[in-house]
Amino acid sequence: MCNNYGVKVTWTDYLDGLAAEGLNLSAPGGVPNLEPQESLWPTDRAPVLRPGREGTDVELVQMRWGFRPPHPKAGPIINFRSEGRQFRQGRCLVPASWFFEYTGTRSPKSKWQFTRTGVPWFCIAGIWRAGDDTFPESFTLLTLAPGPDVARLHHRQIAILEPAQWADWLNPRVPSETLLSPSPEGTLTAVQVR
């Protein structure tokens, strides 16, 4: 399961990538500071794309990674199984440039960096929840059975969406099972970095 990823995407990259799919982008409160984040971990704040509220298709906001823990001694919910669920509300896109998976049983474990073959960034299917007085707005990454590029290293993978699926994922009327599937062979490149 993914507990570490990075994002190195500029505002112009977002504008161009979404426009290529017929989507308009806004940023409530102005364009955020989008410094490269080489290594994001649970509870970090990260960029998220969700349905717009002010007449635009998509808005970019910063949210905390990980839903509220289910009980006091538990960690945040950073990954969420997608199988058998519809996700009729709270869908979002989580931009990433790479993600990491770890193998081995002894510390330090081997670390593998996965990138999307041939493109500098991609979007992970996610869901978000509103915040309250005790917990901020937050998101989690959806997971599913692994495609062949991930299966040799891990038993699950994050749900990566093709750009042509972005608008459909943000539309809760489109059934989620038609959009979420393991990545086909050759779509991800893995490099051992430790």
N, C-alpha and C. Protein backbone atom coordinates (compact mmCIF):
# COMPACT_ATOMS: atom_id res chain seq x y z
N MET A 1 0.84 -1.17 0.00
CA MET A 1 0.00 0.00 0.00
C MET A 1 0.89 1.23 0.00
N CYS A 2 0.41 2.25 -0.61
CA CYS A 2 1.23 3.45 -0.76
C CYS A 2 1.20 4.28 0.51
N ASN A 3 2.37 4.51 1.09
CA ASN A 3 2.47 5.40 2.23
C ASN A 3 3.52 6.48 2.01
N ASN A 4 3.91 6.67 0.73
CA ASN A 4 4.96 7.63 0.41
C ASN A 4 4.90 7.92 -1.08
N TYR A 5 4.76 9.19 -1.44
CA TYR A 5 4.77 9.57 -2.86
C TYR A 5 5.32 10.97 -3.00
N GLY A 6 5.54 11.40 -4.22
CA GLY A 6 6.07 12.73 -4.47
C GLY A 6 5.29 13.42 -5.57
N VAL A 7 5.31 14.74 -5.53
CA VAL A 7 4.62 15.51 -6.57
C VAL A 7 5.47 16.73 -6.93
N LYS A 8 5.71 16.83 -8.22
CA LYS A 8 6.52 17.93 -8.75
C LYS A 8 5.78 18.46 -9.98
N VAL A 9 4.69 19.20 -9.72
CA VAL A 9 3.80 19.68 -10.78
C VAL A 9 3.60 21.18 -10.57
N THR A 10 3.76 21.96 -11.62
CA THR A 10 3.57 23.41 -11.53
C THR A 10 2.12 23.77 -11.83
N TRP A 11 1.76 25.00 -11.50
CA TRP A 11 0.41 25.49 -11.80
C TRP A 11 0.14 25.40 -13.30
N THR A 12 1.12 25.75 -14.11
CA THR A 12 0.96 25.66 -15.56
C THR A 12 0.75 24.22 -16.00
N ASP A 13 1.47 23.28 -15.39
CA ASP A 13 1.27 21.85 -15.70
C ASP A 13 -0.18 21.45 -15.43
N TYR A 14 -0.70 21.89 -14.28
CA TYR A 14 -2.09 21.57 -13.95
C TYR A 14 -3.04 22.19 -14.98
N LEU A 15 -2.85 23.46 -15.27
CA LEU A 15 -3.72 24.14 -16.24
C LEU A 15 -3.71 23.42 -17.58
N ASP A 16 -2.52 23.12 -18.08
CA ASP A 16 -2.40 22.48 -19.39
C ASP A 16 -2.96 21.06 -19.39
N GLY A 17 -2.65 20.29 -18.36
CA GLY A 17 -3.11 18.91 -18.30
C GLY A 17 -4.62 18.81 -18.21
N LEU A 18 -5.22 19.66 -17.40
CA LEU A 18 -6.68 19.64 -17.26
C LEU A 18 -7.36 20.21 -18.50
N ALA A 19 -6.79 21.27 -19.06
CA ALA A 19 -7.38 21.85 -20.28
C ALA A 19 -7.39 20.84 -21.42
N ALA A 20 -6.35 20.00 -21.51
CA ALA A 20 -6.29 18.98 -22.55
C ALA A 20 -7.45 17.99 -22.43
N GLU A 21 -8.04 17.90 -21.23
CA GLU A 21 -9.19 17.02 -21.00
C GLU A 21 -10.50 17.80 -20.94
N GLY A 22 -10.45 19.08 -21.34
CA GLY A 22 -11.66 19.90 -21.38
C GLY A 22 -12.11 20.40 -20.02
N LEU A 23 -11.19 20.47 -19.06
CA LEU A 23 -11.53 20.90 -17.70
C LEU A 23 -10.90 22.24 -17.38
N ASN A 24 -11.66 23.12 -16.74
CA ASN A 24 -11.16 24.42 -16.27
C ASN A 24 -10.75 24.29 -14.82
N LEU A 25 -9.68 24.97 -14.45
CA LEU A 25 -9.11 24.87 -13.10
C LEU A 25 -9.18 26.21 -12.39
N SER A 26 -9.49 26.17 -11.09
CA SER A 26 -9.43 27.35 -10.23
C SER A 26 -8.70 26.99 -8.95
N ALA A 27 -8.32 28.01 -8.21
CA ALA A 27 -7.69 27.80 -6.90
C ALA A 27 -8.34 28.78 -5.93
N PRO A 28 -9.25 28.30 -5.09
CA PRO A 28 -9.88 29.19 -4.11
C PRO A 28 -8.82 29.90 -3.27
N GLY A 29 -8.93 31.19 -3.16
CA GLY A 29 -7.97 31.94 -2.36
C GLY A 29 -6.69 32.27 -3.11
N GLY A 30 -6.61 31.97 -4.39
CA GLY A 30 -5.42 32.28 -5.18
C GLY A 30 -4.54 31.07 -5.41
N VAL A 31 -3.63 31.22 -6.33
CA VAL A 31 -2.74 30.12 -6.70
C VAL A 31 -1.85 29.77 -5.51
N PRO A 32 -1.87 28.49 -5.09
CA PRO A 32 -1.06 28.10 -3.92
C PRO A 32 0.42 27.99 -4.26
N ASN A 33 1.23 27.98 -3.23
CA ASN A 33 2.66 27.74 -3.39
C ASN A 33 2.84 26.25 -3.71
N LEU A 34 3.35 25.95 -4.89
CA LEU A 34 3.46 24.57 -5.35
C LEU A 34 4.92 24.13 -5.45
N GLU A 35 5.64 24.25 -4.35
CA GLU A 35 7.02 23.79 -4.34
C GLU A 35 7.05 22.28 -4.53
N PRO A 36 8.08 21.76 -5.22
CA PRO A 36 8.18 20.30 -5.38
C PRO A 36 8.22 19.61 -4.02
N GLN A 37 7.46 18.53 -3.90
CA GLN A 37 7.43 17.74 -2.68
C GLN A 37 7.97 16.36 -3.05
N GLU A 38 9.25 16.16 -2.76
CA GLU A 38 9.94 14.94 -3.17
C GLU A 38 9.42 13.70 -2.46
N SER A 39 9.00 13.86 -1.21
CA SER A 39 8.61 12.71 -0.41
C SER A 39 7.50 13.10 0.56
N LEU A 40 6.27 12.79 0.19
CA LEU A 40 5.12 13.05 1.05
C LEU A 40 4.81 11.82 1.89
N TRP A 41 4.46 12.06 3.14
CA TRP A 41 4.14 10.99 4.07
C TRP A 41 2.76 11.24 4.66
N PRO A 42 2.12 10.22 5.24
CA PRO A 42 0.84 10.43 5.88
C PRO A 42 0.89 11.59 6.87
N THR A 43 -0.16 12.35 6.91
CA THR A 43 -0.42 13.57 7.68
C THR A 43 0.18 14.82 7.04
N ASP A 44 1.01 14.67 5.98
CA ASP A 44 1.50 15.85 5.25
C ASP A 44 0.35 16.48 4.48
N ARG A 45 0.49 17.77 4.18
CA ARG A 45 -0.47 18.45 3.31
C ARG A 45 0.01 18.32 1.87
N ALA A 46 -0.95 18.09 0.97
CA ALA A 46 -0.61 17.86 -0.43
C ALA A 46 -1.70 18.43 -1.33
N PRO A 47 -1.36 18.70 -2.59
CA PRO A 47 -2.37 19.20 -3.53
C PRO A 47 -3.39 18.13 -3.89
N VAL A 48 -4.64 18.55 -3.99
CA VAL A 48 -5.74 17.68 -4.36
C VAL A 48 -6.62 18.44 -5.35
N LEU A 49 -7.12 17.74 -6.37
CA LEU A 49 -8.05 18.31 -7.33
C LEU A 49 -9.43 17.73 -7.06
N ARG A 50 -10.41 18.60 -6.86
CA ARG A 50 -11.77 18.14 -6.59
C ARG A 50 -12.75 18.97 -7.42
N PRO A 51 -14.00 18.52 -7.50
CA PRO A 51 -14.99 19.30 -8.26
C PRO A 51 -15.05 20.74 -7.76
N GLY A 52 -15.11 21.69 -8.70
CA GLY A 52 -15.12 23.10 -8.34
C GLY A 52 -16.44 23.54 -7.73
N ARG A 53 -16.36 24.61 -6.96
CA ARG A 53 -17.56 25.15 -6.30
C ARG A 53 -17.96 26.51 -6.84
N GLU A 54 -17.10 27.12 -7.61
CA GLU A 54 -17.37 28.50 -8.05
C GLU A 54 -17.49 28.58 -9.56
N GLY A 55 -18.25 27.69 -10.16
CA GLY A 55 -18.47 27.75 -11.60
C GLY A 55 -17.35 27.18 -12.44
N THR A 56 -16.36 26.57 -11.82
CA THR A 56 -15.29 25.92 -12.57
C THR A 56 -15.44 24.42 -12.44
N ASP A 57 -14.78 23.70 -13.32
CA ASP A 57 -14.88 22.25 -13.31
C ASP A 57 -14.12 21.63 -12.14
N VAL A 58 -12.92 22.18 -11.89
CA VAL A 58 -12.01 21.59 -10.92
C VAL A 58 -11.34 22.70 -10.11
N GLU A 59 -11.15 22.43 -8.81
CA GLU A 59 -10.39 23.37 -7.99
C GLU A 59 -9.23 22.63 -7.33
N LEU A 60 -8.13 23.33 -7.18
CA LEU A 60 -6.94 22.77 -6.53
C LEU A 60 -6.90 23.30 -5.10
N VAL A 61 -6.82 22.40 -4.15
CA VAL A 61 -6.74 22.75 -2.74
C VAL A 61 -5.64 21.92 -2.09
N GLN A 62 -5.19 22.35 -0.93
CA GLN A 62 -4.22 21.59 -0.15
C GLN A 62 -4.97 20.91 0.99
N MET A 63 -4.73 19.61 1.18
CA MET A 63 -5.39 18.86 2.26
C MET A 63 -4.39 17.97 2.96
N ARG A 64 -4.81 17.51 4.12
CA ARG A 64 -4.02 16.58 4.92
C ARG A 64 -4.22 15.17 4.36
N TRP A 65 -3.12 14.42 4.24
CA TRP A 65 -3.20 13.05 3.77
C TRP A 65 -3.53 12.13 4.95
N GLY A 66 -4.70 11.53 4.90
CA GLY A 66 -5.12 10.58 5.92
C GLY A 66 -6.37 11.02 6.65
N PHE A 67 -7.40 10.17 6.58
CA PHE A 67 -8.63 10.42 7.31
C PHE A 67 -8.41 10.25 8.81
N ARG A 68 -9.32 10.79 9.56
CA ARG A 68 -9.29 10.67 11.02
C ARG A 68 -9.16 9.20 11.41
N PRO A 69 -8.27 8.88 12.34
CA PRO A 69 -8.14 7.49 12.80
C PRO A 69 -9.46 6.98 13.37
N PRO A 70 -9.76 5.69 13.18
CA PRO A 70 -11.02 5.14 13.68
C PRO A 70 -11.10 5.05 15.21
N HIS A 71 -9.96 5.02 15.88
CA HIS A 71 -9.93 5.04 17.34
C HIS A 71 -8.61 5.68 17.78
N PRO A 72 -8.51 6.11 19.03
CA PRO A 72 -7.36 6.91 19.48
C PRO A 72 -5.98 6.30 19.24
N LYS A 73 -5.83 4.99 19.29
CA LYS A 73 -4.50 4.39 19.14
C LYS A 73 -4.18 4.01 17.70
N ALA A 74 -5.10 4.25 16.78
CA ALA A 74 -4.89 3.89 15.37
C ALA A 74 -4.23 5.03 14.61
N GLY A 75 -3.63 4.69 13.49
CA GLY A 75 -3.06 5.69 12.61
C GLY A 75 -4.13 6.22 11.65
N PRO A 76 -3.80 7.27 10.90
CA PRO A 76 -4.76 7.81 9.95
C PRO A 76 -5.04 6.79 8.83
N ILE A 77 -6.20 6.91 8.22
CA ILE A 77 -6.56 6.04 7.09
C ILE A 77 -6.01 6.67 5.83
N ILE A 78 -4.89 6.11 5.34
CA ILE A 78 -4.19 6.71 4.20
C ILE A 78 -4.51 6.02 2.88
N ASN A 79 -4.94 4.76 2.94
CA ASN A 79 -5.33 3.98 1.77
C ASN A 79 -6.70 3.39 2.04
N PHE A 80 -7.50 3.25 0.97
CA PHE A 80 -8.87 2.78 1.12
C PHE A 80 -9.16 1.80 -0.01
N ARG A 81 -9.57 0.59 0.32
CA ARG A 81 -9.88 -0.42 -0.71
C ARG A 81 -11.04 0.04 -1.57
N SER A 82 -10.90 -0.11 -2.88
CA SER A 82 -11.95 0.35 -3.79
C SER A 82 -12.96 -0.73 -4.15
N GLU A 83 -12.59 -1.99 -4.00
CA GLU A 83 -13.46 -3.07 -4.45
C GLU A 83 -14.80 -3.04 -3.73
N GLY A 84 -15.89 -3.19 -4.52
CA GLY A 84 -17.23 -3.28 -3.97
C GLY A 84 -17.82 -1.97 -3.46
N ARG A 85 -17.18 -0.84 -3.77
CA ARG A 85 -17.68 0.45 -3.30
C ARG A 85 -18.01 1.35 -4.49
N GLN A 86 -18.95 2.26 -4.30
CA GLN A 86 -19.41 3.13 -5.38
C GLN A 86 -18.82 4.53 -5.35
N PHE A 87 -18.50 5.06 -4.20
CA PHE A 87 -17.93 6.41 -4.06
C PHE A 87 -18.82 7.44 -4.75
N ARG A 88 -20.01 7.61 -4.23
CA ARG A 88 -20.97 8.55 -4.80
C ARG A 88 -20.75 9.98 -4.33
N GLN A 89 -19.85 10.18 -3.41
CA GLN A 89 -19.52 11.54 -2.97
C GLN A 89 -18.06 11.61 -2.56
N GLY A 90 -17.51 12.81 -2.62
CA GLY A 90 -16.15 13.04 -2.14
C GLY A 90 -15.04 12.57 -3.06
N ARG A 91 -15.32 12.35 -4.33
CA ARG A 91 -14.25 11.92 -5.24
C ARG A 91 -13.27 13.06 -5.49
N CYS A 92 -12.01 12.71 -5.61
CA CYS A 92 -10.98 13.70 -5.93
C CYS A 92 -9.85 13.03 -6.70
N LEU A 93 -9.02 13.86 -7.28
CA LEU A 93 -7.82 13.41 -7.98
C LEU A 93 -6.61 13.83 -7.15
N VAL A 94 -5.70 12.92 -6.93
CA VAL A 94 -4.49 13.23 -6.17
C VAL A 94 -3.30 13.20 -7.14
N PRO A 95 -2.78 14.37 -7.51
CA PRO A 95 -1.65 14.41 -8.44
C PRO A 95 -0.39 13.82 -7.82
N ALA A 96 0.39 13.15 -8.65
CA ALA A 96 1.66 12.57 -8.20
C ALA A 96 2.63 12.52 -9.39
N SER A 97 3.89 12.59 -9.08
CA SER A 97 4.93 12.39 -10.09
C SER A 97 5.55 11.01 -9.95
N TRP A 98 5.46 10.45 -8.77
CA TRP A 98 5.96 9.10 -8.50
C TRP A 98 5.37 8.62 -7.18
N PHE A 99 5.46 7.32 -6.95
CA PHE A 99 5.12 6.77 -5.65
C PHE A 99 6.12 5.69 -5.33
N PHE A 100 6.21 5.35 -4.05
CA PHE A 100 7.19 4.38 -3.59
C PHE A 100 6.49 3.15 -3.00
N GLU A 101 7.11 2.00 -3.19
CA GLU A 101 6.73 0.78 -2.50
C GLU A 101 8.00 0.19 -1.89
N TYR A 102 7.82 -0.58 -0.83
CA TYR A 102 8.94 -1.13 -0.09
C TYR A 102 8.85 -2.65 -0.06
N THR A 103 10.01 -3.31 -0.17
CA THR A 103 10.05 -4.76 -0.12
C THR A 103 11.07 -5.20 0.91
N GLY A 104 10.91 -6.43 1.36
CA GLY A 104 11.83 -6.99 2.35
C GLY A 104 11.20 -6.99 3.72
N THR A 105 11.85 -7.70 4.63
CA THR A 105 11.34 -7.81 5.99
C THR A 105 12.26 -7.15 7.01
N ARG A 106 13.47 -6.84 6.60
CA ARG A 106 14.42 -6.22 7.53
C ARG A 106 14.62 -4.75 7.19
N SER A 107 14.87 -3.99 8.22
CA SER A 107 15.13 -2.57 8.03
C SER A 107 16.61 -2.34 7.76
N PRO A 108 16.98 -1.50 6.80
CA PRO A 108 16.08 -0.75 5.95
C PRO A 108 15.56 -1.61 4.79
N LYS A 109 14.29 -1.48 4.49
CA LYS A 109 13.69 -2.23 3.39
C LYS A 109 14.15 -1.66 2.06
N SER A 110 14.06 -2.48 1.02
CA SER A 110 14.35 -1.99 -0.33
C SER A 110 13.24 -1.03 -0.74
N LYS A 111 13.62 0.06 -1.37
CA LYS A 111 12.67 1.10 -1.76
C LYS A 111 12.61 1.18 -3.28
N TRP A 112 11.40 1.13 -3.84
CA TRP A 112 11.18 1.16 -5.28
C TRP A 112 10.38 2.39 -5.65
N GLN A 113 10.88 3.15 -6.62
CA GLN A 113 10.16 4.33 -7.10
C GLN A 113 9.44 3.98 -8.40
N PHE A 114 8.13 4.22 -8.42
CA PHE A 114 7.31 3.98 -9.60
C PHE A 114 6.94 5.31 -10.24
N THR A 115 7.15 5.41 -11.54
CA THR A 115 6.71 6.57 -12.31
C THR A 115 5.78 6.08 -13.41
N ARG A 116 5.01 7.00 -13.95
CA ARG A 116 4.11 6.67 -15.06
C ARG A 116 4.95 6.75 -16.33
N THR A 117 5.05 5.66 -17.07
CA THR A 117 5.90 5.59 -18.24
C THR A 117 5.51 6.66 -19.27
N GLY A 118 6.48 7.51 -19.61
CA GLY A 118 6.29 8.48 -20.68
C GLY A 118 5.59 9.77 -20.32
N VAL A 119 5.17 9.94 -19.07
CA VAL A 119 4.53 11.20 -18.68
C VAL A 119 5.13 11.68 -17.36
N PRO A 120 5.21 13.01 -17.15
CA PRO A 120 5.85 13.52 -15.93
C PRO A 120 4.99 13.47 -14.68
N TRP A 121 3.66 13.36 -14.84
CA TRP A 121 2.79 13.30 -13.67
C TRP A 121 1.49 12.60 -14.05
N PHE A 122 0.77 12.18 -13.02
CA PHE A 122 -0.47 11.43 -13.22
C PHE A 122 -1.39 11.72 -12.04
N CYS A 123 -2.59 11.15 -12.08
CA CYS A 123 -3.53 11.34 -10.97
C CYS A 123 -3.96 9.99 -10.41
N ILE A 124 -4.03 9.95 -9.10
CA ILE A 124 -4.51 8.79 -8.35
C ILE A 124 -5.96 9.06 -7.97
N ALA A 125 -6.81 8.05 -8.06
CA ALA A 125 -8.19 8.19 -7.60
C ALA A 125 -8.18 8.28 -6.08
N GLY A 126 -8.84 9.30 -5.57
CA GLY A 126 -8.92 9.49 -4.13
C GLY A 126 -10.32 9.89 -3.71
N ILE A 127 -10.51 9.97 -2.41
CA ILE A 127 -11.72 10.53 -1.85
C ILE A 127 -11.32 11.50 -0.75
N TRP A 128 -12.14 12.51 -0.54
CA TRP A 128 -11.84 13.51 0.48
C TRP A 128 -13.04 13.69 1.39
N ARG A 129 -12.75 14.22 2.59
CA ARG A 129 -13.79 14.50 3.58
C ARG A 129 -13.59 15.91 4.11
N ALA A 130 -14.71 16.55 4.38
CA ALA A 130 -14.67 17.89 4.97
C ALA A 130 -14.10 17.83 6.38
N GLY A 131 -13.53 18.94 6.80
CA GLY A 131 -12.99 19.03 8.14
C GLY A 131 -14.02 19.55 9.13
N ASP A 132 -13.63 19.61 10.39
CA ASP A 132 -14.45 20.21 11.44
C ASP A 132 -13.52 20.87 12.45
N ASP A 133 -14.05 21.21 13.61
CA ASP A 133 -13.25 21.90 14.62
C ASP A 133 -12.10 21.06 15.17
N THR A 134 -12.18 19.73 15.01
CA THR A 134 -11.17 18.86 15.62
C THR A 134 -10.27 18.16 14.61
N PHE A 135 -10.64 18.24 13.31
CA PHE A 135 -9.83 17.54 12.30
C PHE A 135 -9.97 18.28 10.97
N PRO A 136 -8.85 18.47 10.25
CA PRO A 136 -8.90 19.26 9.00
C PRO A 136 -9.45 18.46 7.82
N GLU A 137 -9.74 19.18 6.73
CA GLU A 137 -10.08 18.49 5.47
C GLU A 137 -8.98 17.50 5.16
N SER A 138 -9.37 16.32 4.67
CA SER A 138 -8.37 15.29 4.44
C SER A 138 -8.75 14.42 3.26
N PHE A 139 -7.78 13.65 2.78
CA PHE A 139 -8.00 12.76 1.65
C PHE A 139 -7.32 11.43 1.90
N THR A 140 -7.72 10.44 1.13
CA THR A 140 -7.07 9.14 1.15
C THR A 140 -6.96 8.63 -0.28
N LEU A 141 -6.03 7.71 -0.50
CA LEU A 141 -5.79 7.13 -1.82
C LEU A 141 -6.53 5.80 -1.94
N LEU A 142 -7.15 5.57 -3.10
CA LEU A 142 -7.83 4.31 -3.33
C LEU A 142 -6.85 3.26 -3.83
N THR A 143 -7.06 2.03 -3.41
CA THR A 143 -6.21 0.93 -3.84
C THR A 143 -7.05 -0.17 -4.47
N LEU A 144 -6.35 -1.04 -5.21
CA LEU A 144 -6.99 -2.18 -5.86
C LEU A 144 -5.96 -3.26 -6.09
N ALA A 145 -6.38 -4.35 -6.73
CA ALA A 145 -5.44 -5.42 -7.06
C ALA A 145 -4.34 -4.86 -7.96
N PRO A 146 -3.13 -5.36 -7.86
CA PRO A 146 -2.04 -4.78 -8.64
C PRO A 146 -2.05 -5.23 -10.10
N GLY A 147 -1.58 -4.33 -10.96
CA GLY A 147 -1.30 -4.70 -12.34
C GLY A 147 0.06 -5.38 -12.39
N PRO A 148 0.46 -5.88 -13.56
CA PRO A 148 1.71 -6.64 -13.66
C PRO A 148 2.97 -5.86 -13.28
N ASP A 149 2.97 -4.54 -13.48
CA ASP A 149 4.16 -3.76 -13.15
C ASP A 149 4.40 -3.67 -11.64
N VAL A 150 3.33 -3.77 -10.86
CA VAL A 150 3.43 -3.66 -9.40
C VAL A 150 3.41 -5.04 -8.74
N ALA A 151 2.71 -5.99 -9.33
CA ALA A 151 2.46 -7.29 -8.69
C ALA A 151 3.73 -8.02 -8.27
N ARG A 152 4.82 -7.83 -8.98
CA ARG A 152 6.05 -8.53 -8.62
C ARG A 152 6.67 -7.99 -7.33
N LEU A 153 6.20 -6.79 -6.90
CA LEU A 153 6.77 -6.17 -5.70
C LEU A 153 5.76 -5.95 -4.58
N HIS A 154 4.47 -5.93 -4.92
CA HIS A 154 3.48 -5.64 -3.88
C HIS A 154 2.14 -6.25 -4.24
N HIS A 155 1.33 -6.58 -3.22
CA HIS A 155 0.05 -7.25 -3.43
C HIS A 155 -1.12 -6.29 -3.68
N ARG A 156 -0.89 -4.98 -3.61
CA ARG A 156 -1.91 -3.97 -3.89
C ARG A 156 -1.25 -2.84 -4.65
N GLN A 157 -2.06 -2.03 -5.32
CA GLN A 157 -1.52 -0.82 -5.94
C GLN A 157 -2.53 0.31 -5.80
N ILE A 158 -2.04 1.55 -5.91
CA ILE A 158 -2.94 2.69 -5.92
C ILE A 158 -3.69 2.69 -7.24
N ALA A 159 -4.88 3.28 -7.24
CA ALA A 159 -5.73 3.32 -8.43
C ALA A 159 -5.35 4.53 -9.28
N ILE A 160 -4.61 4.28 -10.35
CA ILE A 160 -4.16 5.35 -11.24
C ILE A 160 -5.17 5.52 -12.36
N LEU A 161 -5.56 6.77 -12.60
CA LEU A 161 -6.52 7.09 -13.64
C LEU A 161 -5.83 7.65 -14.87
N GLU A 162 -6.29 7.28 -16.04
CA GLU A 162 -5.82 7.88 -17.28
C GLU A 162 -6.41 9.28 -17.38
N PRO A 163 -5.72 10.23 -18.04
CA PRO A 163 -6.27 11.58 -18.16
C PRO A 163 -7.69 11.62 -18.71
N ALA A 164 -8.00 10.75 -19.64
CA ALA A 164 -9.36 10.73 -20.21
C ALA A 164 -10.41 10.31 -19.18
N GLN A 165 -9.99 9.78 -18.04
CA GLN A 165 -10.92 9.36 -16.98
C GLN A 165 -11.09 10.41 -15.89
N TRP A 166 -10.28 11.46 -15.90
CA TRP A 166 -10.31 12.42 -14.81
C TRP A 166 -11.69 13.05 -14.62
N ALA A 167 -12.28 13.56 -15.69
CA ALA A 167 -13.59 14.21 -15.58
C ALA A 167 -14.65 13.21 -15.11
N ASP A 168 -14.59 11.99 -15.61
CA ASP A 168 -15.56 10.97 -15.18
C ASP A 168 -15.40 10.63 -13.71
N TRP A 169 -14.16 10.56 -13.22
CA TRP A 169 -13.97 10.25 -11.81
C TRP A 169 -14.58 11.34 -10.92
N LEU A 170 -14.48 12.58 -11.36
CA LEU A 170 -15.02 13.68 -10.56
C LEU A 170 -16.54 13.77 -10.65
N ASN A 171 -17.15 12.99 -11.52
CA ASN A 171 -18.60 12.97 -11.69
C ASN A 171 -19.16 11.76 -10.94
N PRO A 172 -19.82 11.95 -9.80
CA PRO A 172 -20.27 10.81 -8.99
C PRO A 172 -21.35 9.97 -9.67
N ARG A 173 -21.91 10.45 -10.77
CA ARG A 173 -22.92 9.66 -11.49
C ARG A 173 -22.29 8.57 -12.36
N VAL A 174 -20.98 8.69 -12.63
CA VAL A 174 -20.29 7.66 -13.40
C VAL A 174 -19.89 6.54 -12.45
N PRO A 175 -20.33 5.30 -12.70
CA PRO A 175 -20.02 4.20 -11.78
C PRO A 175 -18.50 4.02 -11.60
N SER A 176 -18.07 3.93 -10.36
CA SER A 176 -16.64 3.85 -10.09
C SER A 176 -16.01 2.57 -10.65
N GLU A 177 -16.77 1.47 -10.69
CA GLU A 177 -16.18 0.22 -11.18
C GLU A 177 -15.83 0.28 -12.66
N THR A 178 -16.39 1.24 -13.40
CA THR A 178 -16.03 1.38 -14.83
C THR A 178 -14.72 2.13 -15.00
N LEU A 179 -14.22 2.73 -13.92
CA LEU A 179 -13.02 3.57 -14.01
C LEU A 179 -11.81 2.99 -13.29
N LEU A 180 -12.04 2.18 -12.27
CA LEU A 180 -10.95 1.69 -11.43
C LEU A 180 -10.53 0.30 -11.86
N SER A 181 -9.29 0.18 -12.32
CA SER A 181 -8.76 -1.12 -12.71
C SER A 181 -7.25 -1.10 -12.57
N PRO A 182 -6.63 -2.28 -12.45
CA PRO A 182 -5.17 -2.33 -12.34
C PRO A 182 -4.51 -1.72 -13.57
N SER A 183 -3.36 -1.13 -13.38
CA SER A 183 -2.64 -0.53 -14.49
C SER A 183 -2.13 -1.61 -15.45
N PRO A 184 -2.37 -1.44 -16.76
CA PRO A 184 -1.88 -2.42 -17.73
C PRO A 184 -0.36 -2.51 -17.73
N GLU A 185 0.15 -3.63 -18.15
CA GLU A 185 1.59 -3.85 -18.22
C GLU A 185 2.26 -2.77 -19.06
N GLY A 186 3.37 -2.26 -18.55
CA GLY A 186 4.14 -1.25 -19.28
C GLY A 186 3.75 0.19 -18.97
N THR A 187 2.70 0.40 -18.16
CA THR A 187 2.30 1.78 -17.86
C THR A 187 3.09 2.39 -16.71
N LEU A 188 3.74 1.53 -15.90
CA LEU A 188 4.54 2.02 -14.78
C LEU A 188 5.98 1.52 -14.91
N THR A 189 6.91 2.39 -14.56
CA THR A 189 8.32 2.04 -14.57
C THR A 189 8.82 2.03 -13.12
N ALA A 190 9.45 0.95 -12.71
CA ALA A 190 9.95 0.82 -11.34
C ALA A 190 11.48 0.84 -11.35
N VAL A 191 12.03 1.63 -10.43
CA VAL A 191 13.48 1.73 -10.26
C VAL A 191 13.80 1.57 -8.77
N GLN A 192 14.72 0.69 -8.43
CA GLN A 192 15.11 0.54 -7.04
C GLN A 192 16.00 1.70 -6.64
N VAL A 193 15.58 2.43 -5.62
CA VAL A 193 16.32 3.62 -5.18
C VAL A 193 17.01 3.39 -3.83
N ARG A 194 16.75 2.25 -3.19
CA ARG A 194 17.47 1.90 -1.96
C ARG A 194 17.46 0.38 -1.82
